[in-house]
Amino acid sequence: MTEVKYSAHAVERMIQRHISPREVENILMEPDGIIRQSKDKIIAYKKIKGRKDNSLAVVVVEMNGGQEVVTAMVNFEV
């Protein structure tokens, strides 16, 4: 897996929404789906077993062989 960095906003949202770094990495490694927003920005989403808040999603910017998570969401719907 490529290097994953987290913006301050993403960390704040992960704490607020009780999303662990392990869950984010799980979403990125094995997403249920990906929506490409632009050349370098994607939304990856996944239903996580044991969670009751629908699908989790992360918005990621791809850069220099790595990825930066810019936000994390719960109750994501396609």
PDB file of N, CA and C in Angstrom:
ATOM      1  N   MET A   1       0.843  -1.185   0.000  1.00  0.00           N
ATOM      2  CA  MET A   1       0.000   0.000   0.000  1.00  0.00           C
ATOM      3  C   MET A   1       0.884   1.242   0.000  1.00  0.00           C
ATOM      4  N   THR A   2       0.460   2.257  -0.733  1.00  0.00           N
ATOM      5  CA  THR A   2       1.216   3.498  -0.770  1.00  0.00           C
ATOM      6  C   THR A   2       1.084   4.236   0.559  1.00  0.00           C
ATOM      7  N   GLU A   3       1.964   5.198   0.763  1.00  0.00           N
ATOM      8  CA  GLU A   3       1.937   5.969   2.004  1.00  0.00           C
ATOM      9  C   GLU A   3       0.632   6.759   2.108  1.00  0.00           C
ATOM     10  N   VAL A   4       0.020   6.729   3.281  1.00  0.00           N
ATOM     11  CA  VAL A   4      -1.220   7.465   3.523  1.00  0.00           C
ATOM     12  C   VAL A   4      -0.943   8.538   4.569  1.00  0.00           C
ATOM     13  N   LYS A   5      -1.255   9.780   4.209  1.00  0.00           N
ATOM     14  CA  LYS A   5      -1.151  10.902   5.149  1.00  0.00           C
ATOM     15  C   LYS A   5      -2.563  11.362   5.461  1.00  0.00           C
ATOM     16  N   TYR A   6      -2.715  12.060   6.556  1.00  0.00           N
ATOM     17  CA  TYR A   6      -4.017  12.546   6.990  1.00  0.00           C
ATOM     18  C   TYR A   6      -3.957  14.050   7.207  1.00  0.00           C
ATOM     19  N   SER A   7      -4.878  14.796   6.586  1.00  0.00           N
ATOM     20  CA  SER A   7      -4.949  16.229   6.837  1.00  0.00           C
ATOM     21  C   SER A   7      -5.485  16.440   8.250  1.00  0.00           C
ATOM     22  N   ALA A   8      -5.268  17.622   8.791  1.00  0.00           N
ATOM     23  CA  ALA A   8      -5.785  17.944  10.126  1.00  0.00           C
ATOM     24  C   ALA A   8      -7.307  17.821  10.135  1.00  0.00           C
ATOM     25  N   HIS A   9      -7.951  18.251   9.064  1.00  0.00           N
ATOM     26  CA  HIS A   9      -9.406  18.153   8.962  1.00  0.00           C
ATOM     27  C   HIS A   9      -9.845  16.688   9.017  1.00  0.00           C
ATOM     28  N   ALA A  10      -9.143  15.813   8.295  1.00  0.00           N
ATOM     29  CA  ALA A  10      -9.493  14.390   8.282  1.00  0.00           C
ATOM     30  C   ALA A  10      -9.366  13.792   9.681  1.00  0.00           C
ATOM     31  N   VAL A  11      -8.299  14.109  10.379  1.00  0.00           N
ATOM     32  CA  VAL A  11      -8.099  13.586  11.738  1.00  0.00           C
ATOM     33  C   VAL A  11      -9.223  14.055  12.651  1.00  0.00           C
ATOM     34  N   GLU A  12      -9.578  15.325  12.539  1.00  0.00           N
ATOM     35  CA  GLU A  12     -10.670  15.872  13.356  1.00  0.00           C
ATOM     36  C   GLU A  12     -11.981  15.135  13.077  1.00  0.00           C
ATOM     37  N   ARG A  13     -12.291  14.900  11.810  1.00  0.00           N
ATOM     38  CA  ARG A  13     -13.528  14.207  11.441  1.00  0.00           C
ATOM     39  C   ARG A  13     -13.492  12.733  11.863  1.00  0.00           C
ATOM     40  N   MET A  14     -12.336  12.096  11.744  1.00  0.00           N
ATOM     41  CA  MET A  14     -12.210  10.698  12.164  1.00  0.00           C
ATOM     42  C   MET A  14     -12.478  10.561  13.660  1.00  0.00           C
ATOM     43  N   ILE A  15     -11.931  11.473  14.448  1.00  0.00           N
ATOM     44  CA  ILE A  15     -12.163  11.445  15.891  1.00  0.00           C
ATOM     45  C   ILE A  15     -13.640  11.688  16.178  1.00  0.00           C
ATOM     46  N   GLN A  16     -14.181  12.710  15.558  1.00  0.00           N
ATOM     47  CA  GLN A  16     -15.586  13.086  15.758  1.00  0.00           C
ATOM     48  C   GLN A  16     -16.540  11.947  15.380  1.00  0.00           C
ATOM     49  N   ARG A  17     -16.195  11.202  14.335  1.00  0.00           N
ATOM     50  CA  ARG A  17     -17.083  10.167  13.799  1.00  0.00           C
ATOM     51  C   ARG A  17     -16.648   8.753  14.186  1.00  0.00           C
ATOM     52  N   HIS A  18     -15.678   8.656  15.081  1.00  0.00           N
ATOM     53  CA  HIS A  18     -15.204   7.360  15.603  1.00  0.00           C
ATOM     54  C   HIS A  18     -14.768   6.423  14.471  1.00  0.00           C
ATOM     55  N   ILE A  19     -13.944   6.955  13.558  1.00  0.00           N
ATOM     56  CA  ILE A  19     -13.397   6.175  12.451  1.00  0.00           C
ATOM     57  C   ILE A  19     -11.902   6.001  12.713  1.00  0.00           C
ATOM     58  N   SER A  20     -11.456   4.760  12.773  1.00  0.00           N
ATOM     59  CA  SER A  20     -10.050   4.491  13.093  1.00  0.00           C
ATOM     60  C   SER A  20      -9.188   4.524  11.829  1.00  0.00           C
ATOM     61  N   PRO A  21      -7.879   4.755  12.001  1.00  0.00           N
ATOM     62  CA  PRO A  21      -6.968   4.666  10.861  1.00  0.00           C
ATOM     63  C   PRO A  21      -7.032   3.281  10.199  1.00  0.00           C
ATOM     64  N   ARG A  22      -7.227   2.237  10.993  1.00  0.00           N
ATOM     65  CA  ARG A  22      -7.339   0.882  10.443  1.00  0.00           C
ATOM     66  C   ARG A  22      -8.547   0.784   9.503  1.00  0.00           C
ATOM     67  N   GLU A  23      -9.673   1.395   9.890  1.00  0.00           N
ATOM     68  CA  GLU A  23     -10.852   1.380   9.027  1.00  0.00           C
ATOM     69  C   GLU A  23     -10.597   2.151   7.738  1.00  0.00           C
ATOM     70  N   VAL A  24      -9.922   3.301   7.844  1.00  0.00           N
ATOM     71  CA  VAL A  24      -9.592   4.086   6.647  1.00  0.00           C
ATOM     72  C   VAL A  24      -8.717   3.257   5.710  1.00  0.00           C
ATOM     73  N   GLU A  25      -7.704   2.611   6.244  1.00  0.00           N
ATOM     74  CA  GLU A  25      -6.817   1.796   5.413  1.00  0.00           C
ATOM     75  C   GLU A  25      -7.572   0.625   4.799  1.00  0.00           C
ATOM     76  N   ASN A  26      -8.507   0.045   5.528  1.00  0.00           N
ATOM     77  CA  ASN A  26      -9.347  -1.030   5.001  1.00  0.00           C
ATOM     78  C   ASN A  26     -10.187  -0.524   3.821  1.00  0.00           C
ATOM     79  N   ILE A  27     -10.755   0.664   3.969  1.00  0.00           N
ATOM     80  CA  ILE A  27     -11.542   1.257   2.880  1.00  0.00           C
ATOM     81  C   ILE A  27     -10.670   1.465   1.652  1.00  0.00           C
ATOM     82  N   LEU A  28      -9.466   1.972   1.855  1.00  0.00           N
ATOM     83  CA  LEU A  28      -8.579   2.261   0.723  1.00  0.00           C
ATOM     84  C   LEU A  28      -8.059   0.990   0.051  1.00  0.00           C
ATOM     85  N   MET A  29      -7.806  -0.054   0.837  1.00  0.00           N
ATOM     86  CA  MET A  29      -7.257  -1.285   0.271  1.00  0.00           C
ATOM     87  C   MET A  29      -8.324  -2.138  -0.408  1.00  0.00           C
ATOM     88  N   GLU A  30      -9.534  -2.163   0.161  1.00  0.00           N
ATOM     89  CA  GLU A  30     -10.603  -3.012  -0.370  1.00  0.00           C
ATOM     90  C   GLU A  30     -11.935  -2.271  -0.375  1.00  0.00           C
ATOM     91  N   PRO A  31     -12.051  -1.210  -1.189  1.00  0.00           N
ATOM     92  CA  PRO A  31     -13.297  -0.441  -1.199  1.00  0.00           C
ATOM     93  C   PRO A  31     -14.435  -1.228  -1.850  1.00  0.00           C
ATOM     94  N   ASP A  32     -15.668  -0.916  -1.432  1.00  0.00           N
ATOM     95  CA  ASP A  32     -16.832  -1.454  -2.145  1.00  0.00           C
ATOM     96  C   ASP A  32     -16.991  -0.719  -3.470  1.00  0.00           C
ATOM     97  N   GLY A  33     -16.496   0.518  -3.516  1.00  0.00           N
ATOM     98  CA  GLY A  33     -16.567   1.300  -4.743  1.00  0.00           C
ATOM     99  C   GLY A  33     -15.715   2.545  -4.643  1.00  0.00           C
ATOM    100  N   ILE A  34     -15.445   3.111  -5.811  1.00  0.00           N
ATOM    101  CA  ILE A  34     -14.651   4.343  -5.901  1.00  0.00           C
ATOM    102  C   ILE A  34     -15.361   5.289  -6.855  1.00  0.00           C
ATOM    103  N   ILE A  35     -15.445   6.545  -6.462  1.00  0.00           N
ATOM    104  CA  ILE A  35     -15.977   7.591  -7.324  1.00  0.00           C
ATOM    105  C   ILE A  35     -14.838   8.565  -7.581  1.00  0.00           C
ATOM    106  N   ARG A  36     -14.481   8.731  -8.847  1.00  0.00           N
ATOM    107  CA  ARG A  36     -13.399   9.663  -9.185  1.00  0.00           C
ATOM    108  C   ARG A  36     -14.018  11.050  -9.341  1.00  0.00           C
ATOM    109  N   GLN A  37     -13.540  12.002  -8.537  1.00  0.00           N
ATOM    110  CA  GLN A  37     -14.051  13.370  -8.594  1.00  0.00           C
ATOM    111  C   GLN A  37     -13.258  14.238  -9.554  1.00  0.00           C
ATOM    112  N   SER A  38     -11.986  13.946  -9.682  1.00  0.00           N
ATOM    113  CA  SER A  38     -11.124  14.680 -10.605  1.00  0.00           C
ATOM    114  C   SER A  38      -9.923  13.797 -10.902  1.00  0.00           C
ATOM    115  N   LYS A  39      -8.962  14.337 -11.619  1.00  0.00           N
ATOM    116  CA  LYS A  39      -7.776  13.557 -11.993  1.00  0.00           C
ATOM    117  C   LYS A  39      -7.061  12.969 -10.782  1.00  0.00           C
ATOM    118  N   ASP A  40      -7.034  13.727  -9.673  1.00  0.00           N
ATOM    119  CA  ASP A  40      -6.255  13.284  -8.514  1.00  0.00           C
ATOM    120  C   ASP A  40      -7.076  13.131  -7.234  1.00  0.00           C
ATOM    121  N   LYS A  41      -8.412  13.230  -7.313  1.00  0.00           N
ATOM    122  CA  LYS A  41      -9.241  13.128  -6.104  1.00  0.00           C
ATOM    123  C   LYS A  41     -10.286  12.035  -6.277  1.00  0.00           C
ATOM    124  N   ILE A  42     -10.359  11.152  -5.248  1.00  0.00           N
ATOM    125  CA  ILE A  42     -11.347  10.071  -5.273  1.00  0.00           C
ATOM    126  C   ILE A  42     -12.124  10.019  -3.958  1.00  0.00           C
ATOM    127  N   ILE A  43     -13.308   9.408  -4.045  1.00  0.00           N
ATOM    128  CA  ILE A  43     -14.057   9.030  -2.852  1.00  0.00           C
ATOM    129  C   ILE A  43     -14.079   7.510  -2.856  1.00  0.00           C
ATOM    130  N   ALA A  44     -13.545   6.906  -1.812  1.00  0.00           N
ATOM    131  CA  ALA A  44     -13.591   5.450  -1.654  1.00  0.00           C
ATOM    132  C   ALA A  44     -14.576   5.167  -0.525  1.00  0.00           C
ATOM    133  N   TYR A  45     -15.439   4.169  -0.731  1.00  0.00           N
ATOM    134  CA  TYR A  45     -16.440   3.871   0.294  1.00  0.00           C
ATOM    135  C   TYR A  45     -16.561   2.380   0.520  1.00  0.00           C
ATOM    136  N   LYS A  46     -17.064   2.050   1.728  1.00  0.00           N
ATOM    137  CA  LYS A  46     -17.173   0.642   2.109  1.00  0.00           C
ATOM    138  C   LYS A  46     -18.122   0.498   3.297  1.00  0.00           C
ATOM    139  N   LYS A  47     -18.901  -0.555   3.275  1.00  0.00           N
ATOM    140  CA  LYS A  47     -19.720  -0.931   4.427  1.00  0.00           C
ATOM    141  C   LYS A  47     -18.815  -1.734   5.355  1.00  0.00           C
ATOM    142  N   ILE A  48     -18.673  -1.272   6.594  1.00  0.00           N
ATOM    143  CA  ILE A  48     -17.795  -1.933   7.570  1.00  0.00           C
ATOM    144  C   ILE A  48     -18.655  -2.775   8.510  1.00  0.00           C
ATOM    145  N   LYS A  49     -18.343  -4.061   8.591  1.00  0.00           N
ATOM    146  CA  LYS A  49     -19.085  -4.948   9.491  1.00  0.00           C
ATOM    147  C   LYS A  49     -18.963  -4.454  10.926  1.00  0.00           C
ATOM    148  N   GLY A  50     -20.081  -4.535  11.639  1.00  0.00           N
ATOM    149  CA  GLY A  50     -20.079  -4.136  13.039  1.00  0.00           C
ATOM    150  C   GLY A  50     -20.431  -2.678  13.260  1.00  0.00           C
ATOM    151  N   ARG A  51     -20.477  -1.901  12.185  1.00  0.00           N
ATOM    152  CA  ARG A  51     -20.864  -0.493  12.311  1.00  0.00           C
ATOM    153  C   ARG A  51     -22.307  -0.346  11.858  1.00  0.00           C
ATOM    154  N   LYS A  52     -23.027   0.553  12.496  1.00  0.00           N
ATOM    155  CA  LYS A  52     -24.447   0.726  12.183  1.00  0.00           C
ATOM    156  C   LYS A  52     -24.717   2.029  11.443  1.00  0.00           C
ATOM    157  N   ASP A  53     -23.666   2.682  10.941  1.00  0.00           N
ATOM    158  CA  ASP A  53     -23.846   3.985  10.293  1.00  0.00           C
ATOM    159  C   ASP A  53     -23.659   3.914   8.782  1.00  0.00           C
ATOM    160  N   ASN A  54     -24.250   2.871   8.154  1.00  0.00           N
ATOM    161  CA  ASN A  54     -24.217   2.723   6.704  1.00  0.00           C
ATOM    162  C   ASN A  54     -22.765   2.644   6.225  1.00  0.00           C
ATOM    163  N   SER A  55     -22.495   3.103   5.034  1.00  0.00           N
ATOM    164  CA  SER A  55     -21.136   3.025   4.487  1.00  0.00           C
ATOM    165  C   SER A  55     -20.268   4.161   5.018  1.00  0.00           C
ATOM    166  N   LEU A  56     -18.987   3.861   5.217  1.00  0.00           N
ATOM    167  CA  LEU A  56     -17.997   4.882   5.517  1.00  0.00           C
ATOM    168  C   LEU A  56     -17.356   5.290   4.203  1.00  0.00           C
ATOM    169  N   ALA A  57     -16.923   6.534   4.122  1.00  0.00           N
ATOM    170  CA  ALA A  57     -16.256   7.003   2.917  1.00  0.00           C
ATOM    171  C   ALA A  57     -15.108   7.924   3.306  1.00  0.00           C
ATOM    172  N   VAL A  58     -14.083   7.915   2.466  1.00  0.00           N
ATOM    173  CA  VAL A  58     -12.964   8.834   2.636  1.00  0.00           C
ATOM    174  C   VAL A  58     -12.706   9.535   1.315  1.00  0.00           C
ATOM    175  N   VAL A  59     -12.399  10.811   1.402  1.00  0.00           N
ATOM    176  CA  VAL A  59     -12.001  11.578   0.224  1.00  0.00           C
ATOM    177  C   VAL A  59     -10.491  11.654   0.262  1.00  0.00           C
ATOM    178  N   VAL A  60      -9.879  11.251  -0.847  1.00  0.00           N
ATOM    179  CA  VAL A  60      -8.426  11.119  -0.912  1.00  0.00           C
ATOM    180  C   VAL A  60      -7.882  11.869  -2.121  1.00  0.00           C
ATOM    181  N   VAL A  61      -6.784  12.588  -1.900  1.00  0.00           N
ATOM    182  CA  VAL A  61      -6.059  13.221  -2.993  1.00  0.00           C
ATOM    183  C   VAL A  61      -4.801  12.394  -3.211  1.00  0.00           C
ATOM    184  N   GLU A  62      -4.600  11.970  -4.467  1.00  0.00           N
ATOM    185  CA  GLU A  62      -3.417  11.186  -4.823  1.00  0.00           C
ATOM    186  C   GLU A  62      -2.315  12.140  -5.245  1.00  0.00           C
ATOM    187  N   MET A  63      -1.108  11.933  -4.659  1.00  0.00           N
ATOM    188  CA  MET A  63       0.002  12.828  -4.980  1.00  0.00           C
ATOM    189  C   MET A  63       1.342  12.153  -4.755  1.00  0.00           C
ATOM    190  N   ASN A  64       2.253  12.351  -5.670  1.00  0.00           N
ATOM    191  CA  ASN A  64       3.636  11.875  -5.538  1.00  0.00           C
ATOM    192  C   ASN A  64       3.759  10.454  -5.010  1.00  0.00           C
ATOM    193  N   GLY A  65       2.978   9.539  -5.548  1.00  0.00           N
ATOM    194  CA  GLY A  65       3.064   8.147  -5.140  1.00  0.00           C
ATOM    195  C   GLY A  65       2.426   7.845  -3.805  1.00  0.00           C
ATOM    196  N   GLY A  66       1.789   8.832  -3.191  1.00  0.00           N
ATOM    197  CA  GLY A  66       1.124   8.634  -1.914  1.00  0.00           C
ATOM    198  C   GLY A  66      -0.307   9.134  -1.975  1.00  0.00           C
ATOM    199  N   GLN A  67      -0.959   9.100  -0.846  1.00  0.00           N
ATOM    200  CA  GLN A  67      -2.344   9.548  -0.752  1.00  0.00           C
ATOM    201  C   GLN A  67      -2.508  10.385   0.506  1.00  0.00           C
ATOM    202  N   GLU A  68      -3.324  11.441   0.405  1.00  0.00           N
ATOM    203  CA  GLU A  68      -3.685  12.223   1.589  1.00  0.00           C
ATOM    204  C   GLU A  68      -5.186  12.160   1.771  1.00  0.00           C
ATOM    205  N   VAL A  69      -5.599  11.675   2.927  1.00  0.00           N
ATOM    206  CA  VAL A  69      -7.010  11.639   3.274  1.00  0.00           C
ATOM    207  C   VAL A  69      -7.387  13.051   3.698  1.00  0.00           C
ATOM    208  N   VAL A  70      -8.386  13.646   3.019  1.00  0.00           N
ATOM    209  CA  VAL A  70      -8.772  15.009   3.340  1.00  0.00           C
ATOM    210  C   VAL A  70     -10.012  15.095   4.210  1.00  0.00           C
ATOM    211  N   THR A  71     -10.858  14.051   4.184  1.00  0.00           N
ATOM    212  CA  THR A  71     -11.991  13.972   5.093  1.00  0.00           C
ATOM    213  C   THR A  71     -12.507  12.552   5.161  1.00  0.00           C
ATOM    214  N   ALA A  72     -13.307  12.277   6.172  1.00  0.00           N
ATOM    215  CA  ALA A  72     -13.911  10.961   6.359  1.00  0.00           C
ATOM    216  C   ALA A  72     -15.383  11.164   6.715  1.00  0.00           C
ATOM    217  N   MET A  73     -16.232  10.311   6.167  1.00  0.00           N
ATOM    218  CA  MET A  73     -17.678  10.491   6.328  1.00  0.00           C
ATOM    219  C   MET A  73     -18.339   9.198   6.775  1.00  0.00           C
ATOM    220  N   VAL A  74     -19.474   9.326   7.444  1.00  0.00           N
ATOM    221  CA  VAL A  74     -20.338   8.197   7.784  1.00  0.00           C
ATOM    222  C   VAL A  74     -21.656   8.379   7.067  1.00  0.00           C
ATOM    223  N   ASN A  75     -22.443   7.300   7.013  1.00  0.00           N
ATOM    224  CA  ASN A  75     -23.755   7.324   6.353  1.00  0.00           C
ATOM    225  C   ASN A  75     -23.662   7.765   4.901  1.00  0.00           C
ATOM    226  N   PHE A  76     -22.601   7.325   4.223  1.00  0.00           N
ATOM    227  CA  PHE A  76     -22.391   7.708   2.831  1.00  0.00           C
ATOM    228  C   PHE A  76     -23.329   6.907   1.919  1.00  0.00           C
ATOM    229  N   GLU A  77     -23.953   7.589   0.991  1.00  0.00           N
ATOM    230  CA  GLU A  77     -24.806   6.954   0.004  1.00  0.00           C
ATOM    231  C   GLU A  77     -24.342   7.354  -1.392  1.00  0.00           C
ATOM    232  N   VAL A  78     -24.314   6.381  -2.281  1.00  0.00           N
ATOM    233  CA  VAL A  78     -23.890   6.648  -3.661  1.00  0.00           C
ATOM    234  C   VAL A  78     -25.050   7.280  -4.407  1.00  0.00           C
TER     235      VAL A  78
END
